[in-house]
Amino acid sequence: MTLQQHNPPHPGALIQRTYIDPFKEVTGNKVADRLGVARSTFSRLLNGISDVSPEMAVRLSGVLGGSAESWLSLQDSYDLWKARQIVDVKKLNPIDFSKVA
């Protein structure tokens, strides 16, 4: 059984809160430069407008640490939580495969 996180943060919010806000010398622009991406690209991630792509996950791993898989997992958790807010599974009819010929 998978444990569901209640209202997980967007990875950009987590980056802002963990890697930028606590440090005077670290800014979004500095991180973007280290990542080798446009500052506007990183700003969209920080503001939750863009998501962590596999390429960005590799870059984040190289600059901020953690594995690329962990960055993608954070994005997946956020995306699944959002989807569960809008999809009503009670209105879906499961297939009983034991009765399918």
PDB file of N, CA and C in Angstrom:
ATOM      1  N   MET A   1       0.837  -1.174   0.000  1.00  0.00           N
ATOM      2  CA  MET A   1       0.000   0.000   0.000  1.00  0.00           C
ATOM      3  C   MET A   1       0.887   1.244   0.000  1.00  0.00           C
ATOM      4  N   THR A   2       0.567   2.206  -0.859  1.00  0.00           N
ATOM      5  CA  THR A   2       1.338   3.435  -0.969  1.00  0.00           C
ATOM      6  C   THR A   2       0.749   4.495  -0.053  1.00  0.00           C
ATOM      7  N   LEU A   3       1.615   5.174   0.657  1.00  0.00           N
ATOM      8  CA  LEU A   3       1.175   6.236   1.541  1.00  0.00           C
ATOM      9  C   LEU A   3       0.979   7.506   0.731  1.00  0.00           C
ATOM     10  N   GLN A   4      -0.212   8.089   0.803  1.00  0.00           N
ATOM     11  CA  GLN A   4      -0.510   9.320   0.077  1.00  0.00           C
ATOM     12  C   GLN A   4      -0.149  10.520   0.928  1.00  0.00           C
ATOM     13  N   GLN A   5       0.530  11.461   0.301  1.00  0.00           N
ATOM     14  CA  GLN A   5       0.850  12.688   1.004  1.00  0.00           C
ATOM     15  C   GLN A   5      -0.319  13.647   0.838  1.00  0.00           C
ATOM     16  N   HIS A   6      -0.674  14.331   1.906  1.00  0.00           N
ATOM     17  CA  HIS A   6      -1.758  15.296   1.858  1.00  0.00           C
ATOM     18  C   HIS A   6      -1.212  16.629   1.367  1.00  0.00           C
ATOM     19  N   ASN A   7      -1.728  17.090   0.252  1.00  0.00           N
ATOM     20  CA  ASN A   7      -1.375  18.382  -0.309  1.00  0.00           C
ATOM     21  C   ASN A   7       0.142  18.593  -0.398  1.00  0.00           C
ATOM     22  N   PRO A   8       0.836  17.755  -1.177  1.00  0.00           N
ATOM     23  CA  PRO A   8       2.285  17.921  -1.288  1.00  0.00           C
ATOM     24  C   PRO A   8       2.614  19.225  -2.005  1.00  0.00           C
ATOM     25  N   PRO A   9       3.751  19.824  -1.688  1.00  0.00           N
ATOM     26  CA  PRO A   9       4.118  21.072  -2.359  1.00  0.00           C
ATOM     27  C   PRO A   9       4.580  20.812  -3.782  1.00  0.00           C
ATOM     28  N   HIS A  10       4.410  21.796  -4.630  1.00  0.00           N
ATOM     29  CA  HIS A  10       5.015  21.726  -5.959  1.00  0.00           C
ATOM     30  C   HIS A  10       6.526  21.713  -5.744  1.00  0.00           C
ATOM     31  N   PRO A  11       7.278  20.956  -6.546  1.00  0.00           N
ATOM     32  CA  PRO A  11       8.729  20.919  -6.357  1.00  0.00           C
ATOM     33  C   PRO A  11       9.383  22.309  -6.365  1.00  0.00           C
ATOM     34  N   GLY A  12       8.840  23.231  -7.145  1.00  0.00           N
ATOM     35  CA  GLY A  12       9.393  24.586  -7.166  1.00  0.00           C
ATOM     36  C   GLY A  12       9.267  25.270  -5.819  1.00  0.00           C
ATOM     37  N   ALA A  13       8.136  25.074  -5.147  1.00  0.00           N
ATOM     38  CA  ALA A  13       7.946  25.649  -3.816  1.00  0.00           C
ATOM     39  C   ALA A  13       8.914  25.030  -2.823  1.00  0.00           C
ATOM     40  N   LEU A  14       9.149  23.737  -2.953  1.00  0.00           N
ATOM     41  CA  LEU A  14      10.097  23.057  -2.085  1.00  0.00           C
ATOM     42  C   LEU A  14      11.510  23.584  -2.309  1.00  0.00           C
ATOM     43  N   ILE A  15      11.883  23.795  -3.558  1.00  0.00           N
ATOM     44  CA  ILE A  15      13.203  24.350  -3.874  1.00  0.00           C
ATOM     45  C   ILE A  15      13.344  25.737  -3.265  1.00  0.00           C
ATOM     46  N   GLN A  16      12.328  26.561  -3.436  1.00  0.00           N
ATOM     47  CA  GLN A  16      12.361  27.922  -2.895  1.00  0.00           C
ATOM     48  C   GLN A  16      12.541  27.892  -1.382  1.00  0.00           C
ATOM     49  N   ARG A  17      11.734  27.079  -0.723  1.00  0.00           N
ATOM     50  CA  ARG A  17      11.721  27.016   0.742  1.00  0.00           C
ATOM     51  C   ARG A  17      12.991  26.384   1.325  1.00  0.00           C
ATOM     52  N   THR A  18      13.559  25.411   0.630  1.00  0.00           N
ATOM     53  CA  THR A  18      14.679  24.642   1.169  1.00  0.00           C
ATOM     54  C   THR A  18      16.049  25.166   0.744  1.00  0.00           C
ATOM     55  N   TYR A  19      16.148  25.593  -0.505  1.00  0.00           N
ATOM     56  CA  TYR A  19      17.466  25.918  -1.048  1.00  0.00           C
ATOM     57  C   TYR A  19      17.707  27.406  -1.298  1.00  0.00           C
ATOM     58  N   ILE A  20      16.662  28.216  -1.293  1.00  0.00           N
ATOM     59  CA  ILE A  20      16.848  29.632  -1.606  1.00  0.00           C
ATOM     60  C   ILE A  20      16.528  30.520  -0.398  1.00  0.00           C
ATOM     61  N   ASP A  21      15.343  30.409   0.151  1.00  0.00           N
ATOM     62  CA  ASP A  21      14.918  31.295   1.241  1.00  0.00           C
ATOM     63  C   ASP A  21      15.864  31.311   2.454  1.00  0.00           C
ATOM     64  N   PRO A  22      16.388  30.154   2.882  1.00  0.00           N
ATOM     65  CA  PRO A  22      17.221  30.184   4.093  1.00  0.00           C
ATOM     66  C   PRO A  22      18.603  30.835   3.917  1.00  0.00           C
ATOM     67  N   PHE A  23      19.005  31.094   2.667  1.00  0.00           N
ATOM     68  CA  PHE A  23      20.364  31.549   2.413  1.00  0.00           C
ATOM     69  C   PHE A  23      20.378  32.908   1.722  1.00  0.00           C
ATOM     70  N   LYS A  24      21.040  33.878   2.329  1.00  0.00           N
ATOM     71  CA  LYS A  24      21.108  35.230   1.773  1.00  0.00           C
ATOM     72  C   LYS A  24      21.782  35.269   0.409  1.00  0.00           C
ATOM     73  N   GLU A  25      22.814  34.469   0.244  1.00  0.00           N
ATOM     74  CA  GLU A  25      23.621  34.522  -0.975  1.00  0.00           C
ATOM     75  C   GLU A  25      23.050  33.700  -2.132  1.00  0.00           C
ATOM     76  N   VAL A  26      22.034  32.912  -1.870  1.00  0.00           N
ATOM     77  CA  VAL A  26      21.464  32.057  -2.917  1.00  0.00           C
ATOM     78  C   VAL A  26      20.191  32.704  -3.447  1.00  0.00           C
ATOM     79  N   THR A  27      20.160  32.920  -4.754  1.00  0.00           N
ATOM     80  CA  THR A  27      18.971  33.477  -5.404  1.00  0.00           C
ATOM     81  C   THR A  27      18.524  32.529  -6.508  1.00  0.00           C
ATOM     82  N   GLY A  28      17.305  32.719  -6.950  1.00  0.00           N
ATOM     83  CA  GLY A  28      16.813  31.921  -8.069  1.00  0.00           C
ATOM     84  C   GLY A  28      17.675  32.104  -9.307  1.00  0.00           C
ATOM     85  N   ASN A  29      18.115  33.323  -9.551  1.00  0.00           N
ATOM     86  CA  ASN A  29      18.966  33.590 -10.718  1.00  0.00           C
ATOM     87  C   ASN A  29      20.294  32.854 -10.619  1.00  0.00           C
ATOM     88  N   LYS A  30      20.879  32.816  -9.426  1.00  0.00           N
ATOM     89  CA  LYS A  30      22.149  32.107  -9.246  1.00  0.00           C
ATOM     90  C   LYS A  30      21.973  30.604  -9.463  1.00  0.00           C
ATOM     91  N   VAL A  31      20.875  30.071  -8.943  1.00  0.00           N
ATOM     92  CA  VAL A  31      20.612  28.640  -9.142  1.00  0.00           C
ATOM     93  C   VAL A  31      20.383  28.355 -10.625  1.00  0.00           C
ATOM     94  N   ALA A  32      19.616  29.206 -11.298  1.00  0.00           N
ATOM     95  CA  ALA A  32      19.372  29.021 -12.735  1.00  0.00           C
ATOM     96  C   ALA A  32      20.678  29.004 -13.503  1.00  0.00           C
ATOM     97  N   ASP A  33      21.581  29.921 -13.158  1.00  0.00           N
ATOM     98  CA  ASP A  33      22.880  29.969 -13.834  1.00  0.00           C
ATOM     99  C   ASP A  33      23.663  28.681 -13.611  1.00  0.00           C
ATOM    100  N   ARG A  34      23.647  28.175 -12.378  1.00  0.00           N
ATOM    101  CA  ARG A  34      24.342  26.913 -12.075  1.00  0.00           C
ATOM    102  C   ARG A  34      23.708  25.736 -12.808  1.00  0.00           C
ATOM    103  N   LEU A  35      22.377  25.785 -12.962  1.00  0.00           N
ATOM    104  CA  LEU A  35      21.664  24.713 -13.669  1.00  0.00           C
ATOM    105  C   LEU A  35      21.922  24.759 -15.170  1.00  0.00           C
ATOM    106  N   GLY A  36      22.349  25.919 -15.655  1.00  0.00           N
ATOM    107  CA  GLY A  36      22.563  26.073 -17.094  1.00  0.00           C
ATOM    108  C   GLY A  36      21.258  26.242 -17.858  1.00  0.00           C
ATOM    109  N   VAL A  37      20.271  26.859 -17.200  1.00  0.00           N
ATOM    110  CA  VAL A  37      18.981  27.112 -17.845  1.00  0.00           C
ATOM    111  C   VAL A  37      18.689  28.606 -17.791  1.00  0.00           C
ATOM    112  N   ALA A  38      17.777  29.035 -18.636  1.00  0.00           N
ATOM    113  CA  ALA A  38      17.372  30.437 -18.623  1.00  0.00           C
ATOM    114  C   ALA A  38      16.750  30.769 -17.267  1.00  0.00           C
ATOM    115  N   ARG A  39      16.989  31.961 -16.821  1.00  0.00           N
ATOM    116  CA  ARG A  39      16.430  32.404 -15.547  1.00  0.00           C
ATOM    117  C   ARG A  39      14.910  32.351 -15.569  1.00  0.00           C
ATOM    118  N   SER A  40      14.325  32.667 -16.709  1.00  0.00           N
ATOM    119  CA  SER A  40      12.862  32.616 -16.825  1.00  0.00           C
ATOM    120  C   SER A  40      12.351  31.179 -16.710  1.00  0.00           C
ATOM    121  N   THR A  41      13.109  30.237 -17.224  1.00  0.00           N
ATOM    122  CA  THR A  41      12.736  28.819 -17.121  1.00  0.00           C
ATOM    123  C   THR A  41      12.692  28.389 -15.661  1.00  0.00           C
ATOM    124  N   PHE A  42      13.726  28.751 -14.914  1.00  0.00           N
ATOM    125  CA  PHE A  42      13.782  28.375 -13.507  1.00  0.00           C
ATOM    126  C   PHE A  42      12.734  29.117 -12.695  1.00  0.00           C
ATOM    127  N   SER A  43      12.482  30.357 -13.052  1.00  0.00           N
ATOM    128  CA  SER A  43      11.445  31.138 -12.366  1.00  0.00           C
ATOM    129  C   SER A  43      10.078  30.484 -12.530  1.00  0.00           C
ATOM    130  N   ARG A  44       9.785  29.976 -13.731  1.00  0.00           N
ATOM    131  CA  ARG A  44       8.507  29.284 -13.955  1.00  0.00           C
ATOM    132  C   ARG A  44       8.404  28.032 -13.082  1.00  0.00           C
ATOM    133  N   LEU A  45       9.527  27.330 -12.896  1.00  0.00           N
ATOM    134  CA  LEU A  45       9.524  26.157 -12.017  1.00  0.00           C
ATOM    135  C   LEU A  45       9.275  26.590 -10.572  1.00  0.00           C
ATOM    136  N   LEU A  46       9.992  27.609 -10.112  1.00  0.00           N
ATOM    137  CA  LEU A  46       9.829  28.078  -8.733  1.00  0.00           C
ATOM    138  C   LEU A  46       8.403  28.529  -8.453  1.00  0.00           C
ATOM    139  N   ASN A  47       7.751  29.102  -9.452  1.00  0.00           N
ATOM    140  CA  ASN A  47       6.391  29.619  -9.277  1.00  0.00           C
ATOM    141  C   ASN A  47       5.306  28.601  -9.588  1.00  0.00           C
ATOM    142  N   GLY A  48       5.692  27.354  -9.839  1.00  0.00           N
ATOM    143  CA  GLY A  48       4.719  26.294 -10.064  1.00  0.00           C
ATOM    144  C   GLY A  48       4.041  26.344 -11.414  1.00  0.00           C
ATOM    145  N   ILE A  49       4.589  27.121 -12.336  1.00  0.00           N
ATOM    146  CA  ILE A  49       4.011  27.224 -13.677  1.00  0.00           C
ATOM    147  C   ILE A  49       4.520  26.084 -14.548  1.00  0.00           C
ATOM    148  N   SER A  50       5.785  25.718 -14.364  1.00  0.00           N
ATOM    149  CA  SER A  50       6.393  24.597 -15.087  1.00  0.00           C
ATOM    150  C   SER A  50       6.637  23.454 -14.123  1.00  0.00           C
ATOM    151  N   ASP A  51       6.744  22.267 -14.678  1.00  0.00           N
ATOM    152  CA  ASP A  51       6.984  21.073 -13.879  1.00  0.00           C
ATOM    153  C   ASP A  51       8.433  20.610 -14.043  1.00  0.00           C
ATOM    154  N   VAL A  52       8.852  19.718 -13.167  1.00  0.00           N
ATOM    155  CA  VAL A  52      10.186  19.124 -13.265  1.00  0.00           C
ATOM    156  C   VAL A  52      10.158  18.084 -14.382  1.00  0.00           C
ATOM    157  N   SER A  53      10.915  18.338 -15.425  1.00  0.00           N
ATOM    158  CA  SER A  53      11.064  17.387 -16.528  1.00  0.00           C
ATOM    159  C   SER A  53      12.229  16.450 -16.204  1.00  0.00           C
ATOM    160  N   PRO A  54      12.355  15.351 -16.938  1.00  0.00           N
ATOM    161  CA  PRO A  54      13.519  14.486 -16.701  1.00  0.00           C
ATOM    162  C   PRO A  54      14.848  15.236 -16.850  1.00  0.00           C
ATOM    163  N   GLU A  55      14.954  16.104 -17.842  1.00  0.00           N
ATOM    164  CA  GLU A  55      16.189  16.871 -18.011  1.00  0.00           C
ATOM    165  C   GLU A  55      16.430  17.789 -16.819  1.00  0.00           C
ATOM    166  N   MET A  56      15.397  18.468 -16.368  1.00  0.00           N
ATOM    167  CA  MET A  56      15.545  19.348 -15.217  1.00  0.00           C
ATOM    168  C   MET A  56      15.882  18.545 -13.976  1.00  0.00           C
ATOM    169  N   ALA A  57      15.312  17.352 -13.837  1.00  0.00           N
ATOM    170  CA  ALA A  57      15.606  16.495 -12.688  1.00  0.00           C
ATOM    171  C   ALA A  57      17.095  16.148 -12.638  1.00  0.00           C
ATOM    172  N   VAL A  58      17.678  15.869 -13.791  1.00  0.00           N
ATOM    173  CA  VAL A  58      19.113  15.568 -13.854  1.00  0.00           C
ATOM    174  C   VAL A  58      19.918  16.800 -13.460  1.00  0.00           C
ATOM    175  N   ARG A  59      19.501  17.961 -13.949  1.00  0.00           N
ATOM    176  CA  ARG A  59      20.198  19.206 -13.613  1.00  0.00           C
ATOM    177  C   ARG A  59      20.079  19.515 -12.118  1.00  0.00           C
ATOM    178  N   LEU A  60      18.869  19.380 -11.561  1.00  0.00           N
ATOM    179  CA  LEU A  60      18.667  19.637 -10.135  1.00  0.00           C
ATOM    180  C   LEU A  60      19.518  18.702  -9.286  1.00  0.00           C
ATOM    181  N   SER A  61      19.605  17.456  -9.699  1.00  0.00           N
ATOM    182  CA  SER A  61      20.419  16.487  -8.989  1.00  0.00           C
ATOM    183  C   SER A  61      21.879  16.927  -8.972  1.00  0.00           C
ATOM    184  N   GLY A  62      22.362  17.402 -10.102  1.00  0.00           N
ATOM    185  CA  GLY A  62      23.755  17.822 -10.187  1.00  0.00           C
ATOM    186  C   GLY A  62      24.076  19.087  -9.413  1.00  0.00           C
ATOM    187  N   VAL A  63      23.098  19.965  -9.242  1.00  0.00           N
ATOM    188  CA  VAL A  63      23.338  21.258  -8.584  1.00  0.00           C
ATOM    189  C   VAL A  63      22.869  21.273  -7.129  1.00  0.00           C
ATOM    190  N   LEU A  64      21.691  20.750  -6.864  1.00  0.00           N
ATOM    191  CA  LEU A  64      21.133  20.812  -5.517  1.00  0.00           C
ATOM    192  C   LEU A  64      21.312  19.519  -4.731  1.00  0.00           C
ATOM    193  N   GLY A  65      21.610  18.434  -5.421  1.00  0.00           N
ATOM    194  CA  GLY A  65      21.769  17.145  -4.763  1.00  0.00           C
ATOM    195  C   GLY A  65      20.522  16.295  -4.901  1.00  0.00           C
ATOM    196  N   GLY A  66      20.532  15.173  -4.252  1.00  0.00           N
ATOM    197  CA  GLY A  66      19.445  14.214  -4.417  1.00  0.00           C
ATOM    198  C   GLY A  66      19.583  13.531  -5.769  1.00  0.00           C
ATOM    199  N   SER A  67      18.772  12.550  -5.988  1.00  0.00           N
ATOM    200  CA  SER A  67      18.819  11.847  -7.267  1.00  0.00           C
ATOM    201  C   SER A  67      17.800  12.448  -8.234  1.00  0.00           C
ATOM    202  N   ALA A  68      18.047  12.241  -9.508  1.00  0.00           N
ATOM    203  CA  ALA A  68      17.076  12.683 -10.516  1.00  0.00           C
ATOM    204  C   ALA A  68      15.736  12.000 -10.264  1.00  0.00           C
ATOM    205  N   GLU A  69      15.790  10.738  -9.851  1.00  0.00           N
ATOM    206  CA  GLU A  69      14.569   9.993  -9.569  1.00  0.00           C
ATOM    207  C   GLU A  69      13.774  10.637  -8.429  1.00  0.00           C
ATOM    208  N   SER A  70      14.479  11.146  -7.420  1.00  0.00           N
ATOM    209  CA  SER A  70      13.768  11.764  -6.295  1.00  0.00           C
ATOM    210  C   SER A  70      13.080  13.056  -6.726  1.00  0.00           C
ATOM    211  N   TRP A  71      13.704  13.820  -7.628  1.00  0.00           N
ATOM    212  CA  TRP A  71      13.070  15.045  -8.128  1.00  0.00           C
ATOM    213  C   TRP A  71      11.834  14.710  -8.954  1.00  0.00           C
ATOM    214  N   LEU A  72      11.933  13.662  -9.777  1.00  0.00           N
ATOM    215  CA  LEU A  72      10.768  13.255 -10.572  1.00  0.00           C
ATOM    216  C   LEU A  72       9.671  12.685  -9.676  1.00  0.00           C
ATOM    217  N   SER A  73      10.062  12.004  -8.621  1.00  0.00           N
ATOM    218  CA  SER A  73       9.077  11.457  -7.682  1.00  0.00           C
ATOM    219  C   SER A  73       8.305  12.579  -6.985  1.00  0.00           C
ATOM    220  N   LEU A  74       8.994  13.652  -6.621  1.00  0.00           N
ATOM    221  CA  LEU A  74       8.308  14.801  -6.033  1.00  0.00           C
ATOM    222  C   LEU A  74       7.267  15.362  -7.000  1.00  0.00           C
ATOM    223  N   GLN A  75       7.646  15.463  -8.277  1.00  0.00           N
ATOM    224  CA  GLN A  75       6.720  15.982  -9.278  1.00  0.00           C
ATOM    225  C   GLN A  75       5.539  15.035  -9.449  1.00  0.00           C
ATOM    226  N   ASP A  76       5.823  13.724  -9.506  1.00  0.00           N
ATOM    227  CA  ASP A  76       4.744  12.737  -9.646  1.00  0.00           C
ATOM    228  C   ASP A  76       3.779  12.789  -8.468  1.00  0.00           C
ATOM    229  N   SER A  77       4.297  12.920  -7.257  1.00  0.00           N
ATOM    230  CA  SER A  77       3.435  12.993  -6.072  1.00  0.00           C
ATOM    231  C   SER A  77       2.519  14.208  -6.152  1.00  0.00           C
ATOM    232  N   TYR A  78       3.078  15.324  -6.559  1.00  0.00           N
ATOM    233  CA  TYR A  78       2.284  16.542  -6.694  1.00  0.00           C
ATOM    234  C   TYR A  78       1.216  16.374  -7.776  1.00  0.00           C
ATOM    235  N   ASP A  79       1.611  15.836  -8.935  1.00  0.00           N
ATOM    236  CA  ASP A  79       0.666  15.651 -10.039  1.00  0.00           C
ATOM    237  C   ASP A  79      -0.461  14.693  -9.673  1.00  0.00           C
ATOM    238  N   LEU A  80      -0.121  13.588  -9.008  1.00  0.00           N
ATOM    239  CA  LEU A  80      -1.150  12.625  -8.603  1.00  0.00           C
ATOM    240  C   LEU A  80      -2.106  13.231  -7.588  1.00  0.00           C
ATOM    241  N   TRP A  81      -1.575  14.004  -6.639  1.00  0.00           N
ATOM    242  CA  TRP A  81      -2.440  14.645  -5.659  1.00  0.00           C
ATOM    243  C   TRP A  81      -3.432  15.570  -6.356  1.00  0.00           C
ATOM    244  N   LYS A  82      -2.923  16.368  -7.321  1.00  0.00           N
ATOM    245  CA  LYS A  82      -3.808  17.269  -8.066  1.00  0.00           C
ATOM    246  C   LYS A  82      -4.869  16.489  -8.828  1.00  0.00           C
ATOM    247  N   ALA A  83      -4.477  15.402  -9.480  1.00  0.00           N
ATOM    248  CA  ALA A  83      -5.423  14.600 -10.259  1.00  0.00           C
ATOM    249  C   ALA A  83      -6.507  14.010  -9.369  1.00  0.00           C
ATOM    250  N   ARG A  84      -6.115  13.575  -8.186  1.00  0.00           N
ATOM    251  CA  ARG A  84      -7.094  12.985  -7.257  1.00  0.00           C
ATOM    252  C   ARG A  84      -8.108  14.017  -6.762  1.00  0.00           C
ATOM    253  N   GLN A  85      -7.772  15.278  -6.856  1.00  0.00           N
ATOM    254  CA  GLN A  85      -8.703  16.325  -6.461  1.00  0.00           C
ATOM    255  C   GLN A  85      -9.815  16.523  -7.489  1.00  0.00           C
ATOM    256  N   ILE A  86      -9.552  16.152  -8.739  1.00  0.00           N
ATOM    257  CA  ILE A  86     -10.537  16.432  -9.791  1.00  0.00           C
ATOM    258  C   ILE A  86     -11.198  15.188 -10.387  1.00  0.00           C
ATOM    259  N   VAL A  87     -10.593  14.012 -10.214  1.00  0.00           N
ATOM    260  CA  VAL A  87     -11.175  12.797 -10.783  1.00  0.00           C
ATOM    261  C   VAL A  87     -11.984  12.090  -9.701  1.00  0.00           C
ATOM    262  N   ASP A  88     -13.272  11.878  -9.974  1.00  0.00           N
ATOM    263  CA  ASP A  88     -14.142  11.179  -9.035  1.00  0.00           C
ATOM    264  C   ASP A  88     -14.209   9.712  -9.429  1.00  0.00           C
ATOM    265  N   VAL A  89     -13.400   8.876  -8.761  1.00  0.00           N
ATOM    266  CA  VAL A  89     -13.350   7.458  -9.108  1.00  0.00           C
ATOM    267  C   VAL A  89     -14.638   6.726  -8.747  1.00  0.00           C
ATOM    268  N   LYS A  90     -15.462   7.308  -7.914  1.00  0.00           N
ATOM    269  CA  LYS A  90     -16.732   6.679  -7.553  1.00  0.00           C
ATOM    270  C   LYS A  90     -17.664   6.610  -8.756  1.00  0.00           C
ATOM    271  N   LYS A  91     -17.436   7.443  -9.744  1.00  0.00           N
ATOM    272  CA  LYS A  91     -18.270   7.444 -10.945  1.00  0.00           C
ATOM    273  C   LYS A  91     -17.744   6.485 -12.008  1.00  0.00           C
ATOM    274  N   LEU A  92     -16.632   5.817 -11.724  1.00  0.00           N
ATOM    275  CA  LEU A  92     -16.033   4.887 -12.682  1.00  0.00           C
ATOM    276  C   LEU A  92     -16.485   3.470 -12.368  1.00  0.00           C
ATOM    277  N   ASN A  93     -16.621   2.649 -13.400  1.00  0.00           N
ATOM    278  CA  ASN A  93     -17.036   1.255 -13.237  1.00  0.00           C
ATOM    279  C   ASN A  93     -15.859   0.338 -13.526  1.00  0.00           C
ATOM    280  N   PRO A  94     -15.328  -0.313 -12.489  1.00  0.00           N
ATOM    281  CA  PRO A  94     -14.196  -1.211 -12.705  1.00  0.00           C
ATOM    282  C   PRO A  94     -14.607  -2.447 -13.496  1.00  0.00           C
ATOM    283  N   ILE A  95     -13.653  -3.015 -14.194  1.00  0.00           N
ATOM    284  CA  ILE A  95     -13.872  -4.257 -14.943  1.00  0.00           C
ATOM    285  C   ILE A  95     -13.555  -5.425 -14.026  1.00  0.00           C
ATOM    286  N   ASP A  96     -14.461  -6.368 -13.948  1.00  0.00           N
ATOM    287  CA  ASP A  96     -14.227  -7.593 -13.169  1.00  0.00           C
ATOM    288  C   ASP A  96     -13.613  -8.615 -14.110  1.00  0.00           C
ATOM    289  N   PHE A  97     -12.284  -8.708 -14.087  1.00  0.00           N
ATOM    290  CA  PHE A  97     -11.561  -9.577 -15.027  1.00  0.00           C
ATOM    291  C   PHE A  97     -11.789 -11.066 -14.748  1.00  0.00           C
ATOM    292  N   SER A  98     -12.283 -11.388 -13.559  1.00  0.00           N
ATOM    293  CA  SER A  98     -12.575 -12.798 -13.269  1.00  0.00           C
ATOM    294  C   SER A  98     -13.777 -13.291 -14.052  1.00  0.00           C
ATOM    295  N   LYS A  99     -14.585 -12.338 -14.578  1.00  0.00           N
ATOM    296  CA  LYS A  99     -15.788 -12.698 -15.320  1.00  0.00           C
ATOM    297  C   LYS A  99     -15.645 -12.476 -16.818  1.00  0.00           C
ATOM    298  N   VAL A 100     -14.491 -12.043 -17.244  1.00  0.00           N
ATOM    299  CA  VAL A 100     -14.257 -11.789 -18.670  1.00  0.00           C
ATOM    300  C   VAL A 100     -13.738 -13.082 -19.306  1.00  0.00           C
ATOM    301  N   ALA A 101     -14.354 -13.439 -20.412  1.00  0.00           N
ATOM    302  CA  ALA A 101     -13.966 -14.681 -21.082  1.00  0.00           C
ATOM    303  C   ALA A 101     -12.784 -14.478 -21.965  1.00  0.00           C
TER     304      ALA A 101
END
